PDB file of all heavy atoms in Angstrom:
ATOM      1  N   PRO A   1      21.497   2.469 -33.741  1.00  0.00           N
ATOM      2  CA  PRO A   1      21.616   2.157 -32.320  1.00  0.00           C
ATOM      3  C   PRO A   1      20.245   1.932 -31.702  1.00  0.00           C
ATOM      4  O   PRO A   1      19.257   2.500 -32.134  1.00  0.00           O
ATOM      5  CB  PRO A   1      22.285   3.420 -31.750  1.00  0.00           C
ATOM      6  CG  PRO A   1      21.927   4.500 -32.713  1.00  0.00           C
ATOM      7  CD  PRO A   1      21.912   3.839 -34.056  1.00  0.00           C
ATOM      8  N   ALA A   2      20.176   1.055 -30.692  1.00  0.00           N
ATOM      9  CA  ALA A   2      18.901   0.751 -30.022  1.00  0.00           C
ATOM     10  C   ALA A   2      18.348   2.000 -29.371  1.00  0.00           C
ATOM     11  O   ALA A   2      19.082   2.782 -28.773  1.00  0.00           O
ATOM     12  CB  ALA A   2      19.119  -0.335 -28.967  1.00  0.00           C
ATOM     13  N   GLN A   3      17.043   2.188 -29.530  1.00  0.00           N
ATOM     14  CA  GLN A   3      16.396   3.345 -28.922  1.00  0.00           C
ATOM     15  C   GLN A   3      16.219   3.109 -27.422  1.00  0.00           C
ATOM     16  O   GLN A   3      15.922   1.989 -26.996  1.00  0.00           O
ATOM     17  CB  GLN A   3      15.020   3.567 -29.562  1.00  0.00           C
ATOM     18  CG  GLN A   3      15.093   3.902 -31.038  1.00  0.00           C
ATOM     19  CD  GLN A   3      15.847   5.196 -31.273  1.00  0.00           C
ATOM     20  OE1 GLN A   3      15.610   6.193 -30.596  1.00  0.00           O
ATOM     21  NE2 GLN A   3      16.760   5.186 -32.249  1.00  0.00           N
ATOM     22  N   PRO A   4      16.391   4.106 -26.589  1.00  0.00           N
ATOM     23  CA  PRO A   4      16.229   3.920 -25.143  1.00  0.00           C
ATOM     24  C   PRO A   4      14.787   3.529 -24.812  1.00  0.00           C
ATOM     25  O   PRO A   4      13.841   4.098 -25.353  1.00  0.00           O
ATOM     26  CB  PRO A   4      16.565   5.306 -24.557  1.00  0.00           C
ATOM     27  CG  PRO A   4      16.356   6.264 -25.696  1.00  0.00           C
ATOM     28  CD  PRO A   4      16.720   5.495 -26.932  1.00  0.00           C
ATOM     29  N   THR A   5      14.619   2.501 -23.954  1.00  0.00           N
ATOM     30  CA  THR A   5      13.278   2.063 -23.563  1.00  0.00           C
ATOM     31  C   THR A   5      12.733   2.970 -22.477  1.00  0.00           C
ATOM     32  O   THR A   5      13.483   3.512 -21.664  1.00  0.00           O
ATOM     33  CB  THR A   5      13.311   0.622 -23.040  1.00  0.00           C
ATOM     34  OG1 THR A   5      14.204   0.562 -21.933  1.00  0.00           O
ATOM     35  CG2 THR A   5      13.784  -0.343 -24.115  1.00  0.00           C
ATOM     36  N   GLN A   6      11.395   3.076 -22.444  1.00  0.00           N
ATOM     37  CA  GLN A   6      10.750   3.909 -21.435  1.00  0.00           C
ATOM     38  C   GLN A   6      10.851   3.227 -20.074  1.00  0.00           C
ATOM     39  O   GLN A   6      10.665   2.022 -19.946  1.00  0.00           O
ATOM     40  CB  GLN A   6       9.276   4.106 -21.798  1.00  0.00           C
ATOM     41  CG  GLN A   6       8.553   5.068 -20.856  1.00  0.00           C
ATOM     42  CD  GLN A   6       7.128   5.290 -21.313  1.00  0.00           C
ATOM     43  OE1 GLN A   6       6.695   4.673 -22.267  1.00  0.00           O
ATOM     44  NE2 GLN A   6       6.420   6.158 -20.639  1.00  0.00           N
ATOM     45  N   ALA A   7      11.201   3.964 -19.045  1.00  0.00           N
ATOM     46  CA  ALA A   7      11.357   3.395 -17.708  1.00  0.00           C
ATOM     47  C   ALA A   7      10.037   2.793 -17.237  1.00  0.00           C
ATOM     48  O   ALA A   7       8.970   3.351 -17.468  1.00  0.00           O
ATOM     49  CB  ALA A   7      11.808   4.482 -16.726  1.00  0.00           C
ATOM     50  N   GLU A   8      10.112   1.603 -16.591  1.00  0.00           N
ATOM     51  CA  GLU A   8       8.912   0.956 -16.094  1.00  0.00           C
ATOM     52  C   GLU A   8       8.316   1.760 -14.951  1.00  0.00           C
ATOM     53  O   GLU A   8       9.041   2.292 -14.102  1.00  0.00           O
ATOM     54  CB  GLU A   8       9.243  -0.455 -15.593  1.00  0.00           C
ATOM     55  CG  GLU A   8       9.661  -1.411 -16.698  1.00  0.00           C
ATOM     56  CD  GLU A   8       9.875  -2.806 -16.148  1.00  0.00           C
ATOM     57  OE1 GLU A   8       9.609  -3.012 -14.956  1.00  0.00           O
ATOM     58  OE2 GLU A   8      10.307  -3.682 -16.919  1.00  0.00           O
ATOM     59  N   ALA A   9       6.985   1.827 -14.939  1.00  0.00           N
ATOM     60  CA  ALA A   9       6.304   2.563 -13.871  1.00  0.00           C
ATOM     61  C   ALA A   9       6.506   1.833 -12.551  1.00  0.00           C
ATOM     62  O   ALA A   9       6.494   0.606 -12.496  1.00  0.00           O
ATOM     63  CB  ALA A   9       4.814   2.664 -14.185  1.00  0.00           C
ATOM     64  N   PRO A  10       6.758   2.566 -11.477  1.00  0.00           N
ATOM     65  CA  PRO A  10       6.950   1.906 -10.182  1.00  0.00           C
ATOM     66  C   PRO A  10       5.691   1.163  -9.760  1.00  0.00           C
ATOM     67  O   PRO A  10       4.583   1.536 -10.113  1.00  0.00           O
ATOM     68  CB  PRO A  10       7.237   3.093  -9.246  1.00  0.00           C
ATOM     69  CG  PRO A  10       6.616   4.280  -9.918  1.00  0.00           C
ATOM     70  CD  PRO A  10       6.799   4.028 -11.384  1.00  0.00           C
ATOM     71  N   ALA A  11       5.896   0.061  -9.022  1.00  0.00           N
ATOM     72  CA  ALA A  11       4.760  -0.727  -8.542  1.00  0.00           C
ATOM     73  C   ALA A  11       3.865   0.143  -7.665  1.00  0.00           C
ATOM     74  O   ALA A  11       4.351   0.974  -6.888  1.00  0.00           O
ATOM     75  CB  ALA A  11       5.255  -1.938  -7.760  1.00  0.00           C
ATOM     76  N   LYS A  12       2.573  -0.078  -7.765  1.00  0.00           N
ATOM     77  CA  LYS A  12       1.629   0.728  -7.002  1.00  0.00           C
ATOM     78  C   LYS A  12       1.743   0.421  -5.513  1.00  0.00           C
ATOM     79  O   LYS A  12       1.900  -0.732  -5.110  1.00  0.00           O
ATOM     80  CB  LYS A  12       0.202   0.447  -7.480  1.00  0.00           C
ATOM     81  CG  LYS A  12      -0.853   1.180  -6.652  1.00  0.00           C
ATOM     82  CD  LYS A  12      -2.256   0.939  -7.161  1.00  0.00           C
ATOM     83  CE  LYS A  12      -3.281   1.647  -6.276  1.00  0.00           C
ATOM     84  NZ  LYS A  12      -4.658   1.495  -6.764  1.00  0.00           N
ATOM     85  N   THR A  13       1.665   1.450  -4.716  1.00  0.00           N
ATOM     86  CA  THR A  13       1.608   1.273  -3.263  1.00  0.00           C
ATOM     87  C   THR A  13       0.148   1.333  -2.854  1.00  0.00           C
ATOM     88  O   THR A  13      -0.507   2.361  -2.974  1.00  0.00           O
ATOM     89  CB  THR A  13       2.390   2.377  -2.529  1.00  0.00           C
ATOM     90  OG1 THR A  13       3.769   2.308  -2.904  1.00  0.00           O
ATOM     91  CG2 THR A  13       2.280   2.188  -1.016  1.00  0.00           C
ATOM     92  N   TYR A  14      -0.373   0.216  -2.383  1.00  0.00           N
ATOM     93  CA  TYR A  14      -1.776   0.142  -2.000  1.00  0.00           C
ATOM     94  C   TYR A  14      -1.987   0.737  -0.610  1.00  0.00           C
ATOM     95  O   TYR A  14      -1.131   0.629   0.267  1.00  0.00           O
ATOM     96  CB  TYR A  14      -2.257  -1.304  -2.023  1.00  0.00           C
ATOM     97  CG  TYR A  14      -2.378  -1.871  -3.417  1.00  0.00           C
ATOM     98  CD1 TYR A  14      -1.301  -2.524  -4.011  1.00  0.00           C
ATOM     99  CD2 TYR A  14      -3.562  -1.745  -4.148  1.00  0.00           C
ATOM    100  CE1 TYR A  14      -1.408  -3.037  -5.302  1.00  0.00           C
ATOM    101  CE2 TYR A  14      -3.680  -2.261  -5.432  1.00  0.00           C
ATOM    102  CZ  TYR A  14      -2.597  -2.901  -6.007  1.00  0.00           C
ATOM    103  OH  TYR A  14      -2.704  -3.406  -7.272  1.00  0.00           O
ATOM    104  N   LYS A  15      -3.151   1.346  -0.449  1.00  0.00           N
ATOM    105  CA  LYS A  15      -3.487   1.985   0.832  1.00  0.00           C
ATOM    106  C   LYS A  15      -4.645   1.228   1.480  1.00  0.00           C
ATOM    107  O   LYS A  15      -5.672   0.988   0.844  1.00  0.00           O
ATOM    108  CB  LYS A  15      -3.873   3.447   0.605  1.00  0.00           C
ATOM    109  CG  LYS A  15      -2.747   4.302   0.026  1.00  0.00           C
ATOM    110  CD  LYS A  15      -3.232   5.707  -0.309  1.00  0.00           C
ATOM    111  CE  LYS A  15      -3.697   6.446   0.921  1.00  0.00           C
ATOM    112  NZ  LYS A  15      -4.134   7.826   0.613  1.00  0.00           N
ATOM    113  N   VAL A  16      -4.455   0.860   2.744  1.00  0.00           N
ATOM    114  CA  VAL A  16      -5.462   0.082   3.465  1.00  0.00           C
ATOM    115  C   VAL A  16      -5.811   0.767   4.787  1.00  0.00           C
ATOM    116  O   VAL A  16      -4.927   1.141   5.555  1.00  0.00           O
ATOM    117  CB  VAL A  16      -4.960  -1.347   3.763  1.00  0.00           C
ATOM    118  CG1 VAL A  16      -6.042  -2.146   4.490  1.00  0.00           C
ATOM    119  CG2 VAL A  16      -4.546  -2.053   2.476  1.00  0.00           C
ATOM    120  N   ALA A  17      -7.097   0.930   5.036  1.00  0.00           N
ATOM    121  CA  ALA A  17      -7.569   1.505   6.303  1.00  0.00           C
ATOM    122  C   ALA A  17      -8.251   0.417   7.120  1.00  0.00           C
ATOM    123  O   ALA A  17      -8.975  -0.416   6.571  1.00  0.00           O
ATOM    124  CB  ALA A  17      -8.548   2.652   6.037  1.00  0.00           C
ATOM    125  N   LEU A  18      -8.011   0.423   8.422  1.00  0.00           N
ATOM    126  CA  LEU A  18      -8.643  -0.533   9.330  1.00  0.00           C
ATOM    127  C   LEU A  18      -9.451   0.233  10.370  1.00  0.00           C
ATOM    128  O   LEU A  18      -8.892   1.003  11.157  1.00  0.00           O
ATOM    129  CB  LEU A  18      -7.586  -1.391  10.031  1.00  0.00           C
ATOM    130  CG  LEU A  18      -8.120  -2.434  11.019  1.00  0.00           C
ATOM    131  CD1 LEU A  18      -8.793  -3.573  10.262  1.00  0.00           C
ATOM    132  CD2 LEU A  18      -7.000  -2.968  11.899  1.00  0.00           C
ATOM    133  N   ILE A  19     -10.765   0.056  10.352  1.00  0.00           N
ATOM    134  CA  ILE A  19     -11.643   0.704  11.330  1.00  0.00           C
ATOM    135  C   ILE A  19     -11.839  -0.261  12.493  1.00  0.00           C
ATOM    136  O   ILE A  19     -12.308  -1.387  12.298  1.00  0.00           O
ATOM    137  CB  ILE A  19     -13.002   1.066  10.705  1.00  0.00           C
ATOM    138  CG1 ILE A  19     -12.806   1.993   9.494  1.00  0.00           C
ATOM    139  CG2 ILE A  19     -13.915   1.713  11.740  1.00  0.00           C
ATOM    140  CD1 ILE A  19     -14.092   2.281   8.726  1.00  0.00           C
ATOM    141  N   THR A  20     -11.467   0.152  13.687  1.00  0.00           N
ATOM    142  CA  THR A  20     -11.573  -0.734  14.844  1.00  0.00           C
ATOM    143  C   THR A  20     -13.012  -0.823  15.335  1.00  0.00           C
ATOM    144  O   THR A  20     -13.842   0.041  15.074  1.00  0.00           O
ATOM    145  CB  THR A  20     -10.679  -0.262  15.995  1.00  0.00           C
ATOM    146  OG1 THR A  20     -11.084   1.048  16.401  1.00  0.00           O
ATOM    147  CG2 THR A  20      -9.222  -0.220  15.573  1.00  0.00           C
ATOM    148  N   ALA A  21     -13.274  -1.890  16.078  1.00  0.00           N
ATOM    149  CA  ALA A  21     -14.593  -2.117  16.659  1.00  0.00           C
ATOM    150  C   ALA A  21     -14.655  -1.525  18.062  1.00  0.00           C
ATOM    151  O   ALA A  21     -13.694  -0.930  18.552  1.00  0.00           O
ATOM    152  CB  ALA A  21     -14.877  -3.616  16.705  1.00  0.00           C
ATOM    153  N   GLN A  22     -15.792  -1.695  18.703  1.00  0.00           N
ATOM    154  CA  GLN A  22     -15.962  -1.225  20.076  1.00  0.00           C
ATOM    155  C   GLN A  22     -14.848  -1.799  20.957  1.00  0.00           C
ATOM    156  O   GLN A  22     -14.477  -2.950  20.826  1.00  0.00           O
ATOM    157  CB  GLN A  22     -17.308  -1.685  20.626  1.00  0.00           C
ATOM    158  CG  GLN A  22     -18.503  -1.136  19.862  1.00  0.00           C
ATOM    159  CD  GLN A  22     -19.805  -1.751  20.341  1.00  0.00           C
ATOM    160  OE1 GLN A  22     -20.230  -1.534  21.474  1.00  0.00           O
ATOM    161  NE2 GLN A  22     -20.450  -2.520  19.484  1.00  0.00           N
ATOM    162  N   GLY A  23     -14.346  -0.984  21.853  1.00  0.00           N
ATOM    163  CA  GLY A  23     -13.242  -1.407  22.707  1.00  0.00           C
ATOM    164  C   GLY A  23     -11.910  -0.872  22.214  1.00  0.00           C
ATOM    165  O   GLY A  23     -11.025  -0.592  23.017  1.00  0.00           O
ATOM    166  N   GLY A  24     -11.769  -0.710  20.901  1.00  0.00           N
ATOM    167  CA  GLY A  24     -10.579  -0.109  20.326  1.00  0.00           C
ATOM    168  C   GLY A  24      -9.291  -0.880  20.569  1.00  0.00           C
ATOM    169  O   GLY A  24      -9.290  -2.001  21.080  1.00  0.00           O
ATOM    170  N   LEU A  25      -8.186  -0.251  20.174  1.00  0.00           N
ATOM    171  CA  LEU A  25      -6.882  -0.865  20.380  1.00  0.00           C
ATOM    172  C   LEU A  25      -6.563  -0.924  21.869  1.00  0.00           C
ATOM    173  O   LEU A  25      -7.008  -0.094  22.648  1.00  0.00           O
ATOM    174  CB  LEU A  25      -5.803  -0.069  19.641  1.00  0.00           C
ATOM    175  CG  LEU A  25      -5.903  -0.038  18.113  1.00  0.00           C
ATOM    176  CD1 LEU A  25      -4.739   0.741  17.528  1.00  0.00           C
ATOM    177  CD2 LEU A  25      -5.949  -1.448  17.529  1.00  0.00           C
ATOM    178  N   GLY A  26      -5.774  -1.927  22.220  1.00  0.00           N
ATOM    179  CA  GLY A  26      -5.421  -2.108  23.618  1.00  0.00           C
ATOM    180  C   GLY A  26      -6.306  -3.105  24.328  1.00  0.00           C
ATOM    181  O   GLY A  26      -6.158  -3.330  25.534  1.00  0.00           O
ATOM    182  N   ASP A  27      -7.223  -3.748  23.590  1.00  0.00           N
ATOM    183  CA  ASP A  27      -8.125  -4.709  24.240  1.00  0.00           C
ATOM    184  C   ASP A  27      -7.475  -6.081  24.442  1.00  0.00           C
ATOM    185  O   ASP A  27      -8.041  -6.956  25.079  1.00  0.00           O
ATOM    186  CB  ASP A  27      -9.425  -4.865  23.455  1.00  0.00           C
ATOM    187  CG  ASP A  27      -9.236  -5.417  22.036  1.00  0.00           C
ATOM    188  OD1 ASP A  27      -8.078  -5.676  21.640  1.00  0.00           O
ATOM    189  OD2 ASP A  27     -10.238  -5.589  21.332  1.00  0.00           O
ATOM    190  N   ARG A  28      -6.259  -6.246  23.872  1.00  0.00           N
ATOM    191  CA  ARG A  28      -5.537  -7.516  23.964  1.00  0.00           C
ATOM    192  C   ARG A  28      -6.414  -8.681  23.479  1.00  0.00           C
ATOM    193  O   ARG A  28      -6.329  -9.790  23.958  1.00  0.00           O
ATOM    194  CB  ARG A  28      -5.039  -7.778  25.390  1.00  0.00           C
ATOM    195  CG  ARG A  28      -4.044  -6.735  25.860  1.00  0.00           C
ATOM    196  CD  ARG A  28      -3.219  -7.200  27.030  1.00  0.00           C
ATOM    197  NE  ARG A  28      -3.921  -7.107  28.307  1.00  0.00           N
ATOM    198  CZ  ARG A  28      -3.324  -7.312  29.485  1.00  0.00           C
ATOM    199  NH1 ARG A  28      -2.032  -7.629  29.541  1.00  0.00           N
ATOM    200  NH2 ARG A  28      -4.004  -7.197  30.601  1.00  0.00           N
ATOM    201  N   SER A  29      -7.242  -8.358  22.500  1.00  0.00           N
ATOM    202  CA  SER A  29      -8.196  -9.336  21.993  1.00  0.00           C
ATOM    203  C   SER A  29      -8.451  -9.075  20.516  1.00  0.00           C
ATOM    204  O   SER A  29      -7.510  -9.026  19.721  1.00  0.00           O
ATOM    205  CB  SER A  29      -9.489  -9.248  22.816  1.00  0.00           C
ATOM    206  OG  SER A  29     -10.439 -10.198  22.414  1.00  0.00           O
TER     207      SER A  29
END
C-alpha cells in the first residue's frame, strides 16, 4: 500500500511594519 505523504508546510505569513513620517496618520496625505 502507498505510504502516507508528509503534510505540506503551511505557506509563510509575512510580517510587514510601516513606520510613519512626520504628521502621522490622519494627515489625509
